[in-house]
N, C-alpha and C. Protein backbone atom coordinates (compact mmCIF):
# COMPACT_ATOMS: atom_id res chain seq x y z
N MET A 1 -12.39 0.38 19.71
CA MET A 1 -12.56 0.14 18.43
C MET A 1 -13.02 1.07 17.38
N ILE A 2 -14.04 2.22 18.47
CA ILE A 2 -14.43 3.28 17.72
C ILE A 2 -12.99 4.40 17.28
N LYS A 3 -12.02 4.25 18.17
CA LYS A 3 -11.42 5.36 17.94
C LYS A 3 -9.98 5.07 17.50
N SER A 4 -9.91 3.46 16.94
CA SER A 4 -8.75 2.62 16.62
C SER A 4 -9.38 2.67 14.73
N LEU A 5 -10.86 2.50 14.73
CA LEU A 5 -11.13 3.11 13.49
C LEU A 5 -11.16 4.65 12.82
N LEU A 6 -11.26 5.59 13.68
CA LEU A 6 -10.93 6.73 13.11
C LEU A 6 -9.30 7.16 13.12
N PHE A 7 -8.54 6.69 13.82
CA PHE A 7 -7.09 6.73 13.42
C PHE A 7 -6.96 5.99 12.00
N VAL A 8 -7.43 5.01 11.62
CA VAL A 8 -7.44 4.49 10.46
C VAL A 8 -8.11 5.34 8.88
N ALA A 9 -9.38 5.74 9.39
CA ALA A 9 -9.77 6.63 8.55
C ALA A 9 -9.26 7.88 8.16
N LEU A 10 -8.39 8.87 9.19
CA LEU A 10 -7.88 10.06 9.27
C LEU A 10 -6.44 9.56 8.32
N GLY A 11 -5.86 8.64 8.43
CA GLY A 11 -4.69 8.23 8.01
C GLY A 11 -4.91 7.86 6.87
N GLY A 12 -6.04 7.17 6.38
CA GLY A 12 -6.67 6.86 5.06
C GLY A 12 -7.37 7.86 3.87
N GLY A 13 -7.52 8.34 4.85
CA GLY A 13 -8.14 9.87 4.45
C GLY A 13 -7.04 10.67 3.48
N LEU A 14 -6.06 10.55 4.19
CA LEU A 14 -4.68 11.91 4.14
C LEU A 14 -3.73 11.20 2.98
N GLY A 15 -3.76 9.67 3.25
CA GLY A 15 -3.07 9.16 2.08
C GLY A 15 -3.94 9.01 0.84
N SER A 16 -4.87 9.08 0.83
CA SER A 16 -5.87 8.88 -0.34
C SER A 16 -6.11 10.25 -1.28
N VAL A 17 -5.49 11.18 -0.46
CA VAL A 17 -5.87 12.82 -0.85
C VAL A 17 -4.26 12.85 -1.32
N LEU A 18 -3.51 12.13 -0.58
CA LEU A 18 -1.72 12.46 -1.35
C LEU A 18 -1.61 12.03 -2.91
N ARG A 19 -2.62 10.60 -2.84
CA ARG A 19 -2.25 9.78 -3.71
C ARG A 19 -2.84 10.42 -4.88
N TYR A 20 -3.85 10.91 -5.03
CA TYR A 20 -4.54 11.78 -5.74
C TYR A 20 -3.78 12.65 -6.42
N LEU A 21 -3.41 13.68 -5.50
CA LEU A 21 -2.52 14.81 -5.75
C LEU A 21 -1.35 14.35 -6.54
N ALA A 22 -0.46 12.96 -6.55
CA ALA A 22 0.41 12.76 -6.86
C ALA A 22 0.11 12.51 -8.14
N ASN A 23 -0.94 11.36 -8.35
CA ASN A 23 -1.31 11.19 -9.72
C ASN A 23 -1.51 12.46 -10.71
N VAL A 24 -2.36 13.62 -10.43
CA VAL A 24 -2.39 14.74 -10.62
C VAL A 24 -1.10 15.36 -11.35
N THR A 25 -0.48 15.61 -10.32
CA THR A 25 1.29 16.04 -10.56
C THR A 25 1.80 15.64 -11.54
N ILE A 26 2.16 13.83 -11.66
CA ILE A 26 2.82 13.77 -12.40
C ILE A 26 1.93 13.45 -13.68
N ALA A 27 0.78 13.09 -13.92
CA ALA A 27 0.08 13.64 -15.04
C ALA A 27 0.37 14.52 -15.83
N LYS A 28 0.38 15.64 -14.89
CA LYS A 28 0.31 17.01 -15.46
C LYS A 28 1.79 17.27 -16.50
N ASN A 29 2.98 16.48 -15.86
CA ASN A 29 4.31 16.40 -16.01
C ASN A 29 4.39 15.68 -17.05
N LEU A 30 3.67 14.24 -17.00
CA LEU A 30 3.81 13.18 -18.19
C LEU A 30 2.68 12.87 -18.87
N PRO A 31 2.18 13.81 -19.55
CA PRO A 31 0.74 13.57 -20.02
C PRO A 31 0.84 11.88 -20.72
N GLY A 32 -0.58 11.31 -20.84
CA GLY A 32 -0.86 10.60 -21.00
C GLY A 32 -0.07 8.75 -20.52
N LYS A 33 0.76 9.72 -19.18
CA LYS A 33 1.50 8.62 -18.32
C LYS A 33 0.93 8.53 -17.02
N LEU A 34 -0.09 7.77 -16.83
CA LEU A 34 -0.35 7.98 -15.67
C LEU A 34 -0.10 6.58 -14.94
N HIS A 35 0.63 5.58 -15.98
CA HIS A 35 0.91 4.20 -15.08
C HIS A 35 2.39 4.58 -14.66
N TYR A 36 2.97 5.64 -14.65
CA TYR A 36 4.12 6.11 -14.40
C TYR A 36 3.87 6.50 -13.02
N ALA A 37 2.81 7.13 -12.47
CA ALA A 37 2.38 7.78 -11.30
C ALA A 37 2.06 6.55 -10.53
N THR A 38 1.22 5.71 -10.84
CA THR A 38 0.74 4.44 -10.09
C THR A 38 2.24 3.89 -9.54
N PHE A 39 3.31 3.65 -10.85
CA PHE A 39 4.26 2.85 -10.20
C PHE A 39 5.27 3.88 -9.21
N LEU A 40 5.23 5.07 -9.39
CA LEU A 40 5.81 5.99 -8.31
C LEU A 40 5.63 6.06 -6.98
N VAL A 41 4.04 6.25 -6.80
CA VAL A 41 3.47 5.96 -5.57
C VAL A 41 3.74 4.71 -4.93
N ASN A 42 3.35 3.74 -6.02
CA ASN A 42 4.38 2.14 -5.10
C ASN A 42 5.20 2.39 -4.60
N ILE A 43 5.75 2.64 -5.19
CA ILE A 43 7.58 2.75 -4.75
C ILE A 43 7.55 3.41 -3.67
N ILE A 44 7.08 4.34 -3.99
CA ILE A 44 7.51 5.18 -2.57
C ILE A 44 6.73 5.02 -1.11
N GLY A 45 5.47 4.21 -1.65
CA GLY A 45 4.76 3.89 -0.39
C GLY A 45 5.32 2.54 0.42
N CYS A 46 5.71 1.86 -0.76
CA CYS A 46 6.59 0.47 -0.22
C CYS A 46 8.24 1.24 0.83
N LEU A 47 9.05 2.33 0.50
CA LEU A 47 10.13 2.78 1.07
C LEU A 47 9.08 3.39 2.36
N LEU A 48 8.09 4.16 2.31
CA LEU A 48 7.20 4.80 3.57
C LEU A 48 7.32 3.72 4.39
N ILE A 49 6.41 2.67 3.90
CA ILE A 49 6.07 1.92 4.73
C ILE A 49 7.29 1.04 5.80
N GLY A 50 8.26 0.97 4.94
CA GLY A 50 9.50 0.05 5.48
C GLY A 50 10.08 0.91 6.65
N PHE A 51 10.08 2.59 6.26
CA PHE A 51 10.64 3.25 7.00
C PHE A 51 9.94 3.59 8.53
N LEU A 52 8.53 3.18 8.05
CA LEU A 52 7.49 3.35 9.23
C LEU A 52 7.42 2.34 10.28
N ILE A 53 7.80 1.13 9.95
CA ILE A 53 7.57 -0.23 10.72
C ILE A 53 8.75 -0.24 11.43
N GLY A 54 10.17 -0.11 10.44
CA GLY A 54 11.55 0.21 11.35
C GLY A 54 11.64 1.35 12.36
N TYR A 55 11.22 2.37 12.13
CA TYR A 55 10.93 3.46 13.11
C TYR A 55 10.26 3.12 14.43
N LEU A 56 8.95 2.84 14.28
CA LEU A 56 7.69 2.35 15.11
C LEU A 56 8.29 1.63 15.88
N GLN A 57 9.28 0.34 15.60
CA GLN A 57 9.73 -0.89 16.14
C GLN A 57 10.58 -0.52 17.14
N LYS A 58 11.35 0.55 16.25
CA LYS A 58 12.89 0.73 17.44
C LYS A 58 12.11 2.08 18.40
N SER A 59 11.48 2.76 18.30
CA SER A 59 11.42 4.31 18.99
C SER A 59 10.00 4.14 19.34
N GLN A 60 9.24 3.09 18.77
CA GLN A 60 7.70 3.28 19.99
C GLN A 60 6.90 1.89 19.43
N PRO A 61 7.79 1.10 20.17
CA PRO A 61 6.71 -0.29 19.68
C PRO A 61 5.99 -0.71 20.10
N ASN A 62 5.38 0.08 20.99
CA ASN A 62 4.09 -0.34 21.66
C ASN A 62 2.97 1.02 21.21
N ASN A 63 3.25 1.94 20.08
CA ASN A 63 2.18 2.80 20.42
C ASN A 63 1.38 2.06 18.90
N GLU A 64 0.11 1.46 19.37
CA GLU A 64 -0.58 0.87 18.51
C GLU A 64 -1.29 2.32 17.35
N THR A 65 -1.54 3.33 18.28
CA THR A 65 -2.52 4.78 17.57
C THR A 65 -1.49 5.12 16.56
N LEU A 66 -0.02 5.43 16.77
CA LEU A 66 0.76 5.60 15.26
C LEU A 66 0.51 4.87 14.52
N LYS A 67 0.48 3.27 14.63
CA LYS A 67 0.91 2.35 13.96
C LYS A 67 -0.63 2.43 13.02
N LEU A 68 -1.43 2.42 13.39
CA LEU A 68 -2.94 2.40 12.98
C LEU A 68 -3.01 3.69 11.99
N LEU A 69 -2.54 4.80 12.73
CA LEU A 69 -2.84 5.86 11.52
C LEU A 69 -1.68 5.96 10.45
N LEU A 70 -0.69 6.11 10.45
CA LEU A 70 0.59 6.19 9.72
C LEU A 70 0.66 4.25 8.98
N VAL A 71 0.92 3.31 9.42
CA VAL A 71 0.49 2.39 8.60
C VAL A 71 -0.19 2.14 7.82
N THR A 72 -1.31 1.52 8.72
CA THR A 72 -2.26 0.95 8.52
C THR A 72 -3.02 1.84 7.45
N GLY A 73 -3.47 3.05 8.14
CA GLY A 73 -4.27 4.04 7.37
C GLY A 73 -3.65 5.36 6.28
N PHE A 74 -2.41 5.57 6.71
CA PHE A 74 -2.08 6.57 5.24
C PHE A 74 -1.53 5.54 4.72
N CYS A 75 -0.17 4.75 4.84
CA CYS A 75 0.38 3.83 3.70
C CYS A 75 -0.80 3.05 3.12
N GLY A 76 -1.75 2.30 3.87
CA GLY A 76 -2.99 1.97 3.27
C GLY A 76 -4.00 2.80 2.35
N GLY A 77 -4.12 4.31 2.35
CA GLY A 77 -4.95 5.04 1.81
C GLY A 77 -3.96 5.54 0.36
N PHE A 78 -2.86 5.91 0.66
CA PHE A 78 -1.27 6.12 -0.24
C PHE A 78 -1.64 4.90 -1.47
N THR A 79 -1.56 3.61 -0.50
CA THR A 79 -1.02 2.61 -1.90
C THR A 79 -1.17 1.28 -0.85
N THR A 80 -2.26 0.19 -1.66
CA THR A 80 -1.89 -1.07 -0.69
C THR A 80 -0.81 -1.69 -1.43
N PHE A 81 -0.13 -1.58 -2.19
CA PHE A 81 0.80 -2.23 -2.67
C PHE A 81 2.00 -2.17 -1.80
N SER A 82 1.93 -1.21 -0.52
CA SER A 82 3.02 -0.99 0.18
C SER A 82 3.16 -2.20 0.95
N THR A 83 1.63 -2.45 1.53
CA THR A 83 1.30 -3.65 2.54
C THR A 83 1.58 -4.90 1.72
N PHE A 84 1.38 -4.82 0.54
CA PHE A 84 1.97 -6.27 -0.30
C PHE A 84 3.27 -6.76 0.02
N GLY A 85 3.83 -5.47 0.05
CA GLY A 85 5.41 -5.58 -0.11
C GLY A 85 5.82 -5.90 1.21
N LEU A 86 5.29 -5.37 2.17
CA LEU A 86 5.92 -5.74 3.46
C LEU A 86 5.53 -6.95 4.02
N GLU A 87 3.93 -7.43 3.72
CA GLU A 87 3.80 -8.97 3.48
C GLU A 87 4.61 -9.81 3.26
N ASN A 88 4.93 -9.62 1.86
CA ASN A 88 6.18 -10.48 1.15
C ASN A 88 7.51 -10.46 1.63
N TYR A 89 7.85 -9.04 2.38
CA TYR A 89 9.11 -8.88 3.42
C TYR A 89 9.14 -9.90 4.18
N SER A 90 8.19 -9.79 4.97
CA SER A 90 7.91 -10.77 6.11
C SER A 90 8.07 -12.45 5.88
N PHE A 91 7.29 -12.66 4.47
CA PHE A 91 7.34 -13.91 4.63
C PHE A 91 9.00 -14.28 3.96
N ILE A 92 9.66 -13.49 3.28
CA ILE A 92 10.89 -13.84 3.17
C ILE A 92 11.86 -13.55 4.29
N GLN A 93 11.32 -12.47 5.24
CA GLN A 93 12.53 -12.80 6.86
C GLN A 93 12.37 -14.30 7.47
N SER A 94 10.78 -14.51 6.99
CA SER A 94 10.57 -16.13 7.98
C SER A 94 11.29 -17.14 7.21
N ASP A 95 12.24 -16.82 6.14
CA ASP A 95 12.71 -17.63 5.03
C ASP A 95 11.26 -18.60 4.49
N ASN A 96 10.14 -17.72 4.57
CA ASN A 96 9.01 -18.34 3.53
C ASN A 96 9.09 -18.48 2.40
N PHE A 97 10.08 -18.79 1.15
CA PHE A 97 10.67 -18.09 -0.09
C PHE A 97 9.69 -18.67 -0.91
N ILE A 98 8.94 -19.54 -0.61
CA ILE A 98 7.94 -20.27 -1.19
C ILE A 98 6.63 -19.46 -1.15
N THR A 99 6.23 -19.30 -0.13
CA THR A 99 5.22 -18.74 0.41
C THR A 99 5.04 -17.12 -0.42
N ALA A 100 6.37 -16.59 -0.13
CA ALA A 100 6.77 -15.10 -1.09
C ALA A 100 6.25 -15.23 -2.53
N LEU A 101 7.19 -16.14 -3.06
CA LEU A 101 6.70 -16.06 -4.30
C LEU A 101 5.74 -16.71 -4.95
N SER A 102 4.79 -17.70 -4.20
CA SER A 102 3.32 -18.10 -4.32
C SER A 102 2.59 -16.84 -4.25
N TYR A 103 2.45 -16.18 -3.12
CA TYR A 103 1.49 -14.95 -3.07
C TYR A 103 1.76 -13.77 -3.75
N THR A 104 2.86 -13.86 -4.44
CA THR A 104 3.33 -12.55 -5.57
C THR A 104 2.55 -12.95 -6.75
N ALA A 105 2.72 -14.01 -7.44
CA ALA A 105 2.13 -14.54 -8.22
C ALA A 105 0.75 -14.59 -8.61
N LEU A 106 0.04 -15.44 -7.38
CA LEU A 106 -1.15 -15.42 -7.36
C LEU A 106 -1.71 -14.14 -7.43
N SER A 107 -1.33 -13.44 -6.48
CA SER A 107 -1.95 -11.99 -6.52
C SER A 107 -1.94 -11.35 -7.51
N ILE A 108 -0.85 -11.77 -8.59
CA ILE A 108 -0.66 -10.29 -9.69
C ILE A 108 -2.10 -10.91 -10.42
N ILE A 109 -1.46 -12.78 -10.78
CA ILE A 109 -2.37 -13.26 -12.18
C ILE A 109 -3.71 -13.37 -11.53
N ILE A 110 -4.43 -13.43 -10.91
CA ILE A 110 -5.82 -13.65 -10.08
C ILE A 110 -5.89 -12.41 -10.18
N GLY A 111 -5.47 -10.99 -9.75
CA GLY A 111 -5.73 -10.17 -9.50
C GLY A 111 -6.34 -9.18 -11.23
N ILE A 112 -5.42 -9.43 -11.98
CA ILE A 112 -5.53 -9.16 -13.49
C ILE A 112 -6.63 -10.07 -13.80
N LEU A 113 -6.82 -10.94 -13.74
CA LEU A 113 -7.63 -12.08 -13.93
C LEU A 113 -9.20 -11.49 -13.66
N PHE A 114 -9.37 -10.91 -12.24
CA PHE A 114 -10.33 -10.62 -11.47
C PHE A 114 -10.68 -9.36 -12.53
N VAL A 115 -9.90 -8.51 -12.72
CA VAL A 115 -9.99 -7.04 -13.19
C VAL A 115 -10.88 -7.13 -14.96
N GLY A 116 -10.65 -8.24 -15.33
CA GLY A 116 -11.22 -8.90 -16.69
C GLY A 116 -12.33 -9.24 -16.47
N ILE A 117 -12.59 -10.11 -15.41
CA ILE A 117 -14.22 -10.62 -15.12
C ILE A 117 -14.62 -10.16 -14.53
N GLY A 118 -14.36 -8.75 -13.65
CA GLY A 118 -15.22 -7.92 -13.20
C GLY A 118 -15.82 -6.84 -14.49
N ILE A 119 -14.99 -6.49 -15.30
CA ILE A 119 -15.10 -5.99 -16.78
C ILE A 119 -16.22 -6.69 -17.52
N TYR A 120 -16.07 -7.77 -17.90
CA TYR A 120 -16.75 -8.21 -18.31
C TYR A 120 -18.38 -8.65 -17.62
N LEU A 121 -18.18 -8.59 -16.57
CA LEU A 121 -19.94 -8.90 -15.75
C LEU A 121 -20.30 -7.64 -15.44
N ALA A 122 -19.45 -6.47 -15.91
CA ALA A 122 -20.09 -5.01 -16.11
C ALA A 122 -20.91 -4.75 -17.21
N LYS A 123 -20.48 -5.68 -18.45
CA LYS A 123 -20.78 -5.19 -19.64
C LYS A 123 -22.47 -6.43 -19.82
């Protein structure tokens, strides 16, 4: 278990650093447009997690260490939106369209609501 946690932590740290660097770089080139950075990181993260899952399933199906390092750790540190996209893709692949739609809608609506609640509680 400790070894697994270390791989997740290492990947997550690298992903978080890369996300920060992407935000700084994009903000320098598009001042006042930080939401572009978030959008781009989220989309790149979705592409990356899809590629990694596809690659690992094909060529390294039993390599849990790489999955923990790259998918759970790196992609999770880079953007949790990629995991959200992967989960919804899995629902759609399993013909659970209602679940995918509900999960997406509820995550967005309740997520925004809870941001507001958090800000209210902090004041």
